[in-house]
Amino acid sequence: MTRYTALPVDATALKELRTTDDAGRPCVPYTATGDDAGSPLRCCLKPVEEGERIALVSYAPLRRWAAATGARPGAYDEQGPVFIHTDPCDGPATDRDGYPFDRPGALRTLRRYDARGHIAGGRLLEIPEDATAGFDAALDEAFADPDVVLVHVRAVEYGCLHFAVGRPSTR
């Protein structure tokens, strides 16, 4: 069982992204092919399956978080590509064990943010065989800094956001 909750793109943002993405471009749905299979969907934190209706959209997770919290990330605001279902889905499985996209050997960056939305450090994680323990330890390390309120888990190869983790309210 994980100690932290992986957060997908929230429902309000998904509704907006299914019309216009965070770069101002219209959403362009298409049917996933074998080339797309396995890519991470940020709406439900599951891999793409061939035949699903998906879109690759530009998403600004820190900007959206800042709008909800009053943070002012300034130059740390950025946007990047994410896959989403083009129609509403069930979201992440509630009975999922482990963290999403936790393939042992894959490289992830855990980027830490403070309450202002500024980068407060980060670390590289090569996902170990016990992926849950590896993520738990890396997130424990991140939240040991009392200034860290948010962590973005990103793919090293493409830099795209896989999921976010907020500071737990109680420990």
N, C-alpha and C. Protein backbone atom coordinates (compact mmCIF):
# COMPACT_ATOMS: atom_id res chain seq x y z
N MET A 1 0.84 -1.18 0.00
CA MET A 1 0.00 0.00 0.00
C MET A 1 0.89 1.24 0.00
N THR A 2 0.59 2.18 -0.85
CA THR A 2 1.37 3.41 -0.96
C THR A 2 1.09 4.33 0.22
N ARG A 3 2.06 5.15 0.56
CA ARG A 3 1.88 6.13 1.64
C ARG A 3 1.38 7.46 1.11
N TYR A 4 1.43 7.64 -0.21
CA TYR A 4 1.05 8.91 -0.82
C TYR A 4 0.03 8.65 -1.92
N THR A 5 -0.74 9.68 -2.24
CA THR A 5 -1.76 9.56 -3.27
C THR A 5 -1.30 10.24 -4.56
N ALA A 6 -1.25 9.46 -5.62
CA ALA A 6 -0.91 10.01 -6.95
C ALA A 6 -2.15 10.72 -7.47
N LEU A 7 -1.97 11.99 -7.85
CA LEU A 7 -3.09 12.81 -8.28
C LEU A 7 -3.12 12.92 -9.81
N PRO A 8 -4.26 12.58 -10.42
CA PRO A 8 -4.40 12.76 -11.87
C PRO A 8 -4.75 14.22 -12.17
N VAL A 9 -4.89 14.53 -13.45
CA VAL A 9 -5.42 15.83 -13.85
C VAL A 9 -6.84 15.90 -13.31
N ASP A 10 -7.19 17.02 -12.65
CA ASP A 10 -8.52 17.09 -12.02
C ASP A 10 -9.64 17.26 -13.05
N ALA A 11 -10.85 16.97 -12.62
CA ALA A 11 -12.02 16.94 -13.52
C ALA A 11 -12.28 18.28 -14.21
N THR A 12 -12.12 19.38 -13.49
CA THR A 12 -12.36 20.69 -14.10
C THR A 12 -11.36 20.94 -15.22
N ALA A 13 -10.09 20.66 -14.95
CA ALA A 13 -9.06 20.85 -15.97
C ALA A 13 -9.31 19.93 -17.16
N LEU A 14 -9.70 18.68 -16.90
CA LEU A 14 -9.96 17.75 -18.00
C LEU A 14 -11.07 18.27 -18.91
N LYS A 15 -12.12 18.79 -18.31
CA LYS A 15 -13.23 19.31 -19.10
C LYS A 15 -12.73 20.43 -20.03
N GLU A 16 -11.90 21.30 -19.50
CA GLU A 16 -11.36 22.39 -20.31
C GLU A 16 -10.38 21.88 -21.37
N LEU A 17 -9.51 20.96 -20.98
CA LEU A 17 -8.51 20.42 -21.92
C LEU A 17 -9.15 19.67 -23.08
N ARG A 18 -10.34 19.11 -22.84
CA ARG A 18 -11.04 18.38 -23.91
C ARG A 18 -11.62 19.32 -24.95
N THR A 19 -11.55 20.62 -24.68
CA THR A 19 -11.98 21.64 -25.65
C THR A 19 -10.77 22.39 -26.19
N THR A 20 -10.03 23.03 -25.27
CA THR A 20 -8.84 23.82 -25.63
C THR A 20 -7.75 23.53 -24.62
N ASP A 21 -6.55 23.24 -25.10
CA ASP A 21 -5.47 22.91 -24.17
C ASP A 21 -4.84 24.18 -23.58
N ASP A 22 -3.88 24.01 -22.70
CA ASP A 22 -3.27 25.13 -21.99
C ASP A 22 -2.35 25.98 -22.87
N ALA A 23 -2.13 25.56 -24.11
CA ALA A 23 -1.40 26.38 -25.08
C ALA A 23 -2.37 27.11 -26.00
N GLY A 24 -3.69 26.94 -25.75
CA GLY A 24 -4.70 27.62 -26.55
C GLY A 24 -5.09 26.90 -27.83
N ARG A 25 -4.64 25.66 -27.98
CA ARG A 25 -4.96 24.89 -29.18
C ARG A 25 -6.19 24.02 -28.94
N PRO A 26 -6.99 23.80 -29.99
CA PRO A 26 -8.16 22.92 -29.83
C PRO A 26 -7.72 21.47 -29.61
N CYS A 27 -8.50 20.75 -28.83
CA CYS A 27 -8.27 19.33 -28.60
C CYS A 27 -8.54 18.59 -29.91
N VAL A 28 -7.65 17.68 -30.30
CA VAL A 28 -7.79 16.92 -31.54
C VAL A 28 -7.84 15.43 -31.18
N PRO A 29 -9.05 14.90 -31.00
CA PRO A 29 -9.19 13.48 -30.65
C PRO A 29 -8.76 12.56 -31.79
N TYR A 30 -8.27 11.39 -31.41
CA TYR A 30 -7.98 10.36 -32.41
C TYR A 30 -8.05 8.99 -31.73
N THR A 31 -8.06 7.96 -32.53
CA THR A 31 -8.14 6.60 -32.00
C THR A 31 -6.72 6.07 -31.83
N ALA A 32 -6.42 5.61 -30.63
CA ALA A 32 -5.08 5.12 -30.31
C ALA A 32 -4.73 3.90 -31.15
N THR A 33 -3.48 3.90 -31.62
CA THR A 33 -2.96 2.78 -32.39
C THR A 33 -1.98 1.99 -31.50
N GLY A 34 -1.40 0.98 -32.08
CA GLY A 34 -0.39 0.22 -31.35
C GLY A 34 0.79 1.07 -30.94
N ASP A 35 1.09 2.12 -31.71
CA ASP A 35 2.20 3.02 -31.37
C ASP A 35 1.92 3.80 -30.09
N ASP A 36 0.64 4.06 -29.81
CA ASP A 36 0.26 4.80 -28.60
C ASP A 36 0.13 3.90 -27.38
N ALA A 37 -0.10 2.62 -27.61
CA ALA A 37 -0.37 1.68 -26.51
C ALA A 37 0.73 1.75 -25.46
N GLY A 38 0.31 1.84 -24.22
CA GLY A 38 1.24 1.90 -23.09
C GLY A 38 1.59 3.30 -22.66
N SER A 39 1.30 4.31 -23.48
CA SER A 39 1.57 5.69 -23.08
C SER A 39 0.70 6.03 -21.87
N PRO A 40 1.19 6.90 -20.99
CA PRO A 40 0.43 7.20 -19.77
C PRO A 40 -0.71 8.18 -19.98
N LEU A 41 -1.91 7.77 -19.58
CA LEU A 41 -3.07 8.66 -19.58
C LEU A 41 -3.11 9.38 -18.24
N ARG A 42 -3.18 10.71 -18.26
CA ARG A 42 -3.14 11.46 -17.00
C ARG A 42 -4.51 11.67 -16.38
N CYS A 43 -5.57 11.30 -17.10
CA CYS A 43 -6.92 11.43 -16.55
C CYS A 43 -7.25 10.28 -15.60
N CYS A 44 -6.73 9.10 -15.90
CA CYS A 44 -7.06 7.92 -15.10
C CYS A 44 -5.81 7.18 -14.60
N LEU A 45 -4.64 7.71 -14.94
CA LEU A 45 -3.36 7.13 -14.51
C LEU A 45 -3.22 5.66 -14.91
N LYS A 46 -3.68 5.38 -16.13
CA LYS A 46 -3.57 4.04 -16.71
C LYS A 46 -2.87 4.16 -18.06
N PRO A 47 -2.33 3.06 -18.57
CA PRO A 47 -1.73 3.11 -19.90
C PRO A 47 -2.79 3.13 -21.00
N VAL A 48 -2.47 3.79 -22.10
CA VAL A 48 -3.34 3.82 -23.27
C VAL A 48 -3.50 2.40 -23.81
N GLU A 49 -4.72 2.08 -24.23
CA GLU A 49 -4.98 0.81 -24.90
C GLU A 49 -5.35 1.10 -26.35
N GLU A 50 -4.88 0.27 -27.25
CA GLU A 50 -5.20 0.44 -28.66
C GLU A 50 -6.72 0.50 -28.84
N GLY A 51 -7.18 1.44 -29.68
CA GLY A 51 -8.60 1.57 -29.96
C GLY A 51 -9.32 2.62 -29.12
N GLU A 52 -8.67 3.10 -28.04
CA GLU A 52 -9.29 4.13 -27.20
C GLU A 52 -9.26 5.48 -27.92
N ARG A 53 -10.23 6.34 -27.60
CA ARG A 53 -10.24 7.72 -28.12
C ARG A 53 -9.44 8.57 -27.14
N ILE A 54 -8.36 9.14 -27.65
CA ILE A 54 -7.45 9.92 -26.82
C ILE A 54 -7.07 11.22 -27.53
N ALA A 55 -6.36 12.06 -26.80
CA ALA A 55 -5.79 13.27 -27.39
C ALA A 55 -4.48 13.56 -26.66
N LEU A 56 -3.55 14.15 -27.38
CA LEU A 56 -2.32 14.64 -26.79
C LEU A 56 -2.49 16.15 -26.68
N VAL A 57 -2.52 16.64 -25.45
CA VAL A 57 -2.79 18.06 -25.20
C VAL A 57 -1.65 18.69 -24.40
N SER A 58 -1.56 19.99 -24.47
CA SER A 58 -0.59 20.73 -23.67
C SER A 58 -1.24 21.07 -22.33
N TYR A 59 -0.53 20.76 -21.25
CA TYR A 59 -1.08 20.90 -19.90
C TYR A 59 -0.09 21.68 -19.04
N ALA A 60 -0.59 22.63 -18.28
CA ALA A 60 0.25 23.45 -17.38
C ALA A 60 -0.15 23.15 -15.93
N PRO A 61 0.37 22.06 -15.36
CA PRO A 61 -0.08 21.64 -14.02
C PRO A 61 0.22 22.65 -12.93
N LEU A 62 1.38 23.26 -12.95
CA LEU A 62 1.74 24.21 -11.90
C LEU A 62 0.88 25.47 -12.01
N ARG A 63 0.61 25.92 -13.22
CA ARG A 63 -0.24 27.08 -13.42
C ARG A 63 -1.63 26.84 -12.85
N ARG A 64 -2.18 25.68 -13.12
CA ARG A 64 -3.52 25.36 -12.61
C ARG A 64 -3.51 25.23 -11.09
N TRP A 65 -2.48 24.59 -10.53
CA TRP A 65 -2.36 24.49 -9.07
C TRP A 65 -2.23 25.87 -8.46
N ALA A 66 -1.43 26.73 -9.07
CA ALA A 66 -1.22 28.09 -8.56
C ALA A 66 -2.52 28.88 -8.58
N ALA A 67 -3.33 28.73 -9.62
CA ALA A 67 -4.61 29.44 -9.68
C ALA A 67 -5.52 29.03 -8.54
N ALA A 68 -5.44 27.76 -8.14
CA ALA A 68 -6.30 27.27 -7.05
C ALA A 68 -5.76 27.63 -5.67
N THR A 69 -4.45 27.85 -5.56
CA THR A 69 -3.84 28.08 -4.24
C THR A 69 -3.39 29.51 -4.00
N GLY A 70 -3.35 30.31 -5.05
CA GLY A 70 -2.86 31.69 -4.92
C GLY A 70 -1.35 31.80 -5.04
N ALA A 71 -0.68 30.70 -5.39
CA ALA A 71 0.77 30.73 -5.58
C ALA A 71 1.11 31.55 -6.83
N ARG A 72 2.35 32.00 -6.90
CA ARG A 72 2.82 32.80 -8.04
C ARG A 72 4.13 32.20 -8.54
N PRO A 73 4.04 31.15 -9.38
CA PRO A 73 5.24 30.46 -9.81
C PRO A 73 6.16 31.25 -10.74
N GLY A 74 5.66 32.31 -11.35
CA GLY A 74 6.51 33.11 -12.23
C GLY A 74 7.14 32.27 -13.32
N ALA A 75 8.45 32.36 -13.43
CA ALA A 75 9.17 31.66 -14.48
C ALA A 75 9.13 30.14 -14.35
N TYR A 76 8.71 29.61 -13.19
CA TYR A 76 8.63 28.16 -13.01
C TYR A 76 7.39 27.56 -13.65
N ASP A 77 6.47 28.42 -14.12
CA ASP A 77 5.29 27.96 -14.83
C ASP A 77 5.74 27.35 -16.15
N GLU A 78 5.21 26.21 -16.48
CA GLU A 78 5.55 25.56 -17.74
C GLU A 78 4.39 24.68 -18.17
N GLN A 79 4.42 24.28 -19.42
CA GLN A 79 3.40 23.37 -19.93
C GLN A 79 4.09 22.29 -20.74
N GLY A 80 3.42 21.15 -20.82
CA GLY A 80 3.99 20.04 -21.57
C GLY A 80 2.90 19.09 -22.04
N PRO A 81 3.28 18.13 -22.87
CA PRO A 81 2.31 17.21 -23.46
C PRO A 81 1.85 16.14 -22.48
N VAL A 82 0.55 15.86 -22.51
CA VAL A 82 -0.02 14.74 -21.76
C VAL A 82 -1.12 14.10 -22.60
N PHE A 83 -1.27 12.79 -22.44
CA PHE A 83 -2.37 12.07 -23.07
C PHE A 83 -3.56 12.06 -22.12
N ILE A 84 -4.75 12.25 -22.69
CA ILE A 84 -6.00 12.14 -21.92
C ILE A 84 -7.02 11.40 -22.77
N HIS A 85 -8.01 10.79 -22.10
CA HIS A 85 -9.17 10.28 -22.83
C HIS A 85 -9.96 11.49 -23.33
N THR A 86 -10.53 11.41 -24.51
CA THR A 86 -11.28 12.54 -25.03
C THR A 86 -12.71 12.59 -24.51
N ASP A 87 -13.15 11.52 -23.92
CA ASP A 87 -14.45 11.48 -23.25
C ASP A 87 -14.21 11.21 -21.78
N PRO A 88 -15.13 11.63 -20.90
CA PRO A 88 -14.94 11.36 -19.47
C PRO A 88 -14.72 9.86 -19.22
N CYS A 89 -13.81 9.58 -18.30
CA CYS A 89 -13.53 8.19 -17.93
C CYS A 89 -13.77 8.04 -16.43
N ASP A 90 -13.53 6.86 -15.92
CA ASP A 90 -13.79 6.58 -14.51
C ASP A 90 -12.71 7.11 -13.57
N GLY A 91 -11.63 7.67 -14.11
CA GLY A 91 -10.54 8.14 -13.27
C GLY A 91 -9.69 6.97 -12.79
N PRO A 92 -8.77 7.25 -11.88
CA PRO A 92 -7.88 6.19 -11.38
C PRO A 92 -8.65 5.09 -10.65
N ALA A 93 -8.18 3.88 -10.80
CA ALA A 93 -8.77 2.75 -10.08
C ALA A 93 -8.55 2.94 -8.58
N THR A 94 -9.59 2.74 -7.81
CA THR A 94 -9.47 2.92 -6.36
C THR A 94 -8.78 1.73 -5.70
N ASP A 95 -8.74 0.60 -6.40
CA ASP A 95 -8.12 -0.59 -5.83
C ASP A 95 -6.71 -0.83 -6.37
N ARG A 96 -6.13 0.17 -7.04
CA ARG A 96 -4.80 0.02 -7.62
C ARG A 96 -3.77 -0.13 -6.52
N ASP A 97 -2.85 -1.04 -6.71
CA ASP A 97 -1.76 -1.23 -5.77
C ASP A 97 -0.51 -0.61 -6.38
N GLY A 98 0.17 0.23 -5.63
CA GLY A 98 1.39 0.85 -6.12
C GLY A 98 1.12 2.19 -6.77
N TYR A 99 2.16 2.74 -7.37
CA TYR A 99 2.09 4.03 -8.04
C TYR A 99 1.90 3.82 -9.53
N PRO A 100 1.29 4.80 -10.22
CA PRO A 100 1.12 4.64 -11.66
C PRO A 100 2.45 4.69 -12.41
N PHE A 101 2.50 3.96 -13.50
CA PHE A 101 3.64 4.00 -14.42
C PHE A 101 4.96 3.71 -13.67
N ASP A 102 4.93 2.65 -12.87
CA ASP A 102 6.03 2.34 -11.96
C ASP A 102 6.89 1.17 -12.43
N ARG A 103 7.23 1.17 -13.69
CA ARG A 103 8.03 0.10 -14.28
C ARG A 103 9.46 0.12 -13.74
N PRO A 104 9.88 -0.96 -13.06
CA PRO A 104 11.25 -0.99 -12.56
C PRO A 104 12.27 -0.72 -13.66
N GLY A 105 13.26 0.11 -13.33
CA GLY A 105 14.30 0.49 -14.27
C GLY A 105 14.02 1.81 -14.97
N ALA A 106 12.76 2.26 -15.00
CA ALA A 106 12.43 3.54 -15.64
C ALA A 106 12.97 4.68 -14.79
N LEU A 107 13.31 5.78 -15.45
CA LEU A 107 13.84 6.94 -14.75
C LEU A 107 12.75 7.99 -14.57
N ARG A 108 12.67 8.54 -13.38
CA ARG A 108 11.72 9.60 -13.07
C ARG A 108 12.46 10.73 -12.36
N THR A 109 11.96 11.93 -12.58
CA THR A 109 12.42 13.09 -11.83
C THR A 109 11.30 13.45 -10.87
N LEU A 110 11.64 13.66 -9.61
CA LEU A 110 10.67 14.13 -8.63
C LEU A 110 11.03 15.58 -8.34
N ARG A 111 10.25 16.48 -8.94
CA ARG A 111 10.50 17.91 -8.81
C ARG A 111 9.65 18.45 -7.67
N ARG A 112 10.31 19.13 -6.73
CA ARG A 112 9.65 19.64 -5.53
C ARG A 112 9.32 21.12 -5.70
N TYR A 113 8.16 21.52 -5.16
CA TYR A 113 7.73 22.92 -5.21
C TYR A 113 7.34 23.40 -3.81
N ASP A 114 7.63 24.68 -3.55
CA ASP A 114 7.19 25.29 -2.29
C ASP A 114 5.84 25.97 -2.48
N ALA A 115 5.32 26.60 -1.45
CA ALA A 115 3.99 27.20 -1.49
C ALA A 115 3.89 28.36 -2.48
N ARG A 116 5.03 28.96 -2.84
CA ARG A 116 5.01 30.03 -3.84
C ARG A 116 4.90 29.47 -5.25
N GLY A 117 5.16 28.17 -5.40
CA GLY A 117 5.20 27.56 -6.72
C GLY A 117 6.59 27.58 -7.33
N HIS A 118 7.60 27.81 -6.49
CA HIS A 118 8.99 27.82 -6.97
C HIS A 118 9.61 26.44 -6.73
N ILE A 119 10.52 26.07 -7.60
CA ILE A 119 11.20 24.79 -7.44
C ILE A 119 12.02 24.81 -6.16
N ALA A 120 11.83 23.78 -5.36
CA ALA A 120 12.51 23.66 -4.07
C ALA A 120 13.39 22.41 -4.05
N GLY A 121 13.90 22.04 -5.21
CA GLY A 121 14.78 20.87 -5.28
C GLY A 121 14.13 19.76 -6.07
N GLY A 122 14.83 18.67 -6.13
CA GLY A 122 14.34 17.52 -6.87
C GLY A 122 15.34 16.39 -6.79
N ARG A 123 14.98 15.30 -7.39
CA ARG A 123 15.89 14.16 -7.42
C ARG A 123 15.53 13.24 -8.56
N LEU A 124 16.52 12.50 -8.98
CA LEU A 124 16.34 11.48 -9.99
C LEU A 124 16.02 10.18 -9.28
N LEU A 125 15.08 9.43 -9.79
CA LEU A 125 14.73 8.12 -9.23
C LEU A 125 14.76 7.10 -10.35
N GLU A 126 15.62 6.10 -10.20
CA GLU A 126 15.52 4.93 -11.06
C GLU A 126 14.61 3.99 -10.30
N ILE A 127 13.47 3.68 -10.87
CA ILE A 127 12.47 2.89 -10.16
C ILE A 127 13.05 1.50 -9.85
N PRO A 128 13.13 1.16 -8.56
CA PRO A 128 13.69 -0.14 -8.18
C PRO A 128 12.67 -1.28 -8.37
N GLU A 129 13.11 -2.50 -8.16
CA GLU A 129 12.21 -3.66 -8.27
C GLU A 129 11.00 -3.49 -7.35
N ASP A 130 11.23 -3.03 -6.12
CA ASP A 130 10.11 -2.72 -5.22
C ASP A 130 9.76 -1.25 -5.45
N ALA A 131 8.99 -1.03 -6.52
CA ALA A 131 8.68 0.33 -6.96
C ALA A 131 7.95 1.14 -5.89
N THR A 132 7.02 0.51 -5.18
CA THR A 132 6.27 1.24 -4.16
C THR A 132 7.20 1.74 -3.06
N ALA A 133 8.09 0.89 -2.59
CA ALA A 133 9.04 1.31 -1.55
C ALA A 133 9.96 2.41 -2.08
N GLY A 134 10.36 2.32 -3.34
CA GLY A 134 11.22 3.34 -3.93
C GLY A 134 10.54 4.70 -4.01
N PHE A 135 9.30 4.71 -4.48
CA PHE A 135 8.54 5.97 -4.53
C PHE A 135 8.27 6.50 -3.13
N ASP A 136 7.87 5.61 -2.22
CA ASP A 136 7.61 6.05 -0.84
C ASP A 136 8.84 6.72 -0.24
N ALA A 137 10.01 6.12 -0.42
CA ALA A 137 11.24 6.68 0.15
C ALA A 137 11.57 8.03 -0.49
N ALA A 138 11.42 8.14 -1.82
CA ALA A 138 11.73 9.40 -2.50
C ALA A 138 10.75 10.50 -2.09
N LEU A 139 9.49 10.15 -1.90
CA LEU A 139 8.50 11.14 -1.46
C LEU A 139 8.69 11.49 0.01
N ASP A 140 9.07 10.51 0.84
CA ASP A 140 9.40 10.82 2.25
C ASP A 140 10.53 11.85 2.28
N GLU A 141 11.54 11.63 1.46
CA GLU A 141 12.67 12.55 1.38
C GLU A 141 12.21 13.95 0.97
N ALA A 142 11.36 14.01 -0.04
CA ALA A 142 10.87 15.31 -0.53
C ALA A 142 10.09 16.05 0.57
N PHE A 143 9.18 15.37 1.21
CA PHE A 143 8.32 16.02 2.20
C PHE A 143 8.99 16.17 3.56
N ALA A 144 10.22 15.64 3.72
CA ALA A 144 10.98 15.91 4.94
C ALA A 144 11.36 17.39 5.01
N ASP A 145 11.42 18.04 3.85
CA ASP A 145 11.65 19.48 3.80
C ASP A 145 10.30 20.14 4.07
N PRO A 146 10.16 20.87 5.17
CA PRO A 146 8.86 21.44 5.51
C PRO A 146 8.35 22.48 4.51
N ASP A 147 9.23 23.00 3.66
CA ASP A 147 8.80 23.97 2.65
C ASP A 147 8.16 23.33 1.42
N VAL A 148 8.37 22.03 1.24
CA VAL A 148 7.83 21.35 0.06
C VAL A 148 6.35 21.05 0.28
N VAL A 149 5.52 21.53 -0.67
CA VAL A 149 4.08 21.30 -0.58
C VAL A 149 3.54 20.47 -1.73
N LEU A 150 4.34 20.33 -2.79
CA LEU A 150 3.88 19.63 -3.99
C LEU A 150 5.08 18.99 -4.68
N VAL A 151 4.86 17.79 -5.20
CA VAL A 151 5.89 17.09 -5.96
C VAL A 151 5.29 16.67 -7.29
N HIS A 152 6.01 16.95 -8.37
CA HIS A 152 5.64 16.46 -9.70
C HIS A 152 6.56 15.30 -10.04
N VAL A 153 5.97 14.18 -10.41
CA VAL A 153 6.72 13.02 -10.88
C VAL A 153 6.68 13.08 -12.40
N ARG A 154 7.86 13.18 -13.00
CA ARG A 154 7.98 13.38 -14.45
C ARG A 154 8.85 12.30 -15.08
N ALA A 155 8.58 12.03 -16.35
CA ALA A 155 9.43 11.13 -17.13
C ALA A 155 10.72 11.88 -17.47
N VAL A 156 11.84 11.22 -17.34
CA VAL A 156 13.11 11.85 -17.68
C VAL A 156 13.23 12.04 -19.18
N GLU A 157 12.84 11.03 -19.95
CA GLU A 157 13.04 11.06 -21.40
C GLU A 157 12.31 12.20 -22.08
N TYR A 158 11.08 12.47 -21.65
CA TYR A 158 10.25 13.48 -22.32
C TYR A 158 9.95 14.68 -21.43
N GLY A 159 10.20 14.57 -20.14
CA GLY A 159 9.95 15.67 -19.21
C GLY A 159 8.49 15.86 -18.84
N CYS A 160 7.63 15.01 -19.39
CA CYS A 160 6.20 15.19 -19.16
C CYS A 160 5.78 14.72 -17.77
N LEU A 161 4.76 15.36 -17.26
CA LEU A 161 4.22 15.03 -15.95
C LEU A 161 3.54 13.66 -15.99
N HIS A 162 3.88 12.80 -15.06
CA HIS A 162 3.16 11.53 -14.91
C HIS A 162 2.05 11.68 -13.89
N PHE A 163 2.39 12.28 -12.74
CA PHE A 163 1.37 12.55 -11.73
C PHE A 163 1.95 13.50 -10.71
N ALA A 164 1.07 14.08 -9.91
CA ALA A 164 1.48 14.99 -8.84
C ALA A 164 1.16 14.34 -7.50
N VAL A 165 1.86 14.78 -6.46
CA VAL A 165 1.60 14.34 -5.09
C VAL A 165 1.65 15.58 -4.21
N GLY A 166 0.57 15.83 -3.48
CA GLY A 166 0.53 16.95 -2.55
C GLY A 166 0.98 16.51 -1.18
N ARG A 167 1.44 17.49 -0.39
CA ARG A 167 1.85 17.19 0.98
C ARG A 167 0.67 16.59 1.73
N PRO A 168 0.89 15.46 2.38
CA PRO A 168 -0.21 14.88 3.17
C PRO A 168 -0.61 15.85 4.29
N SER A 169 -1.91 15.93 4.56
CA SER A 169 -2.39 16.85 5.58
C SER A 169 -2.05 16.35 6.98
N THR A 170 -1.97 15.06 7.16
CA THR A 170 -1.58 14.49 8.46
C THR A 170 -0.60 13.36 8.21
N ARG A 171 0.30 13.17 9.13
CA ARG A 171 1.28 12.08 8.98
C ARG A 171 1.24 11.20 10.18
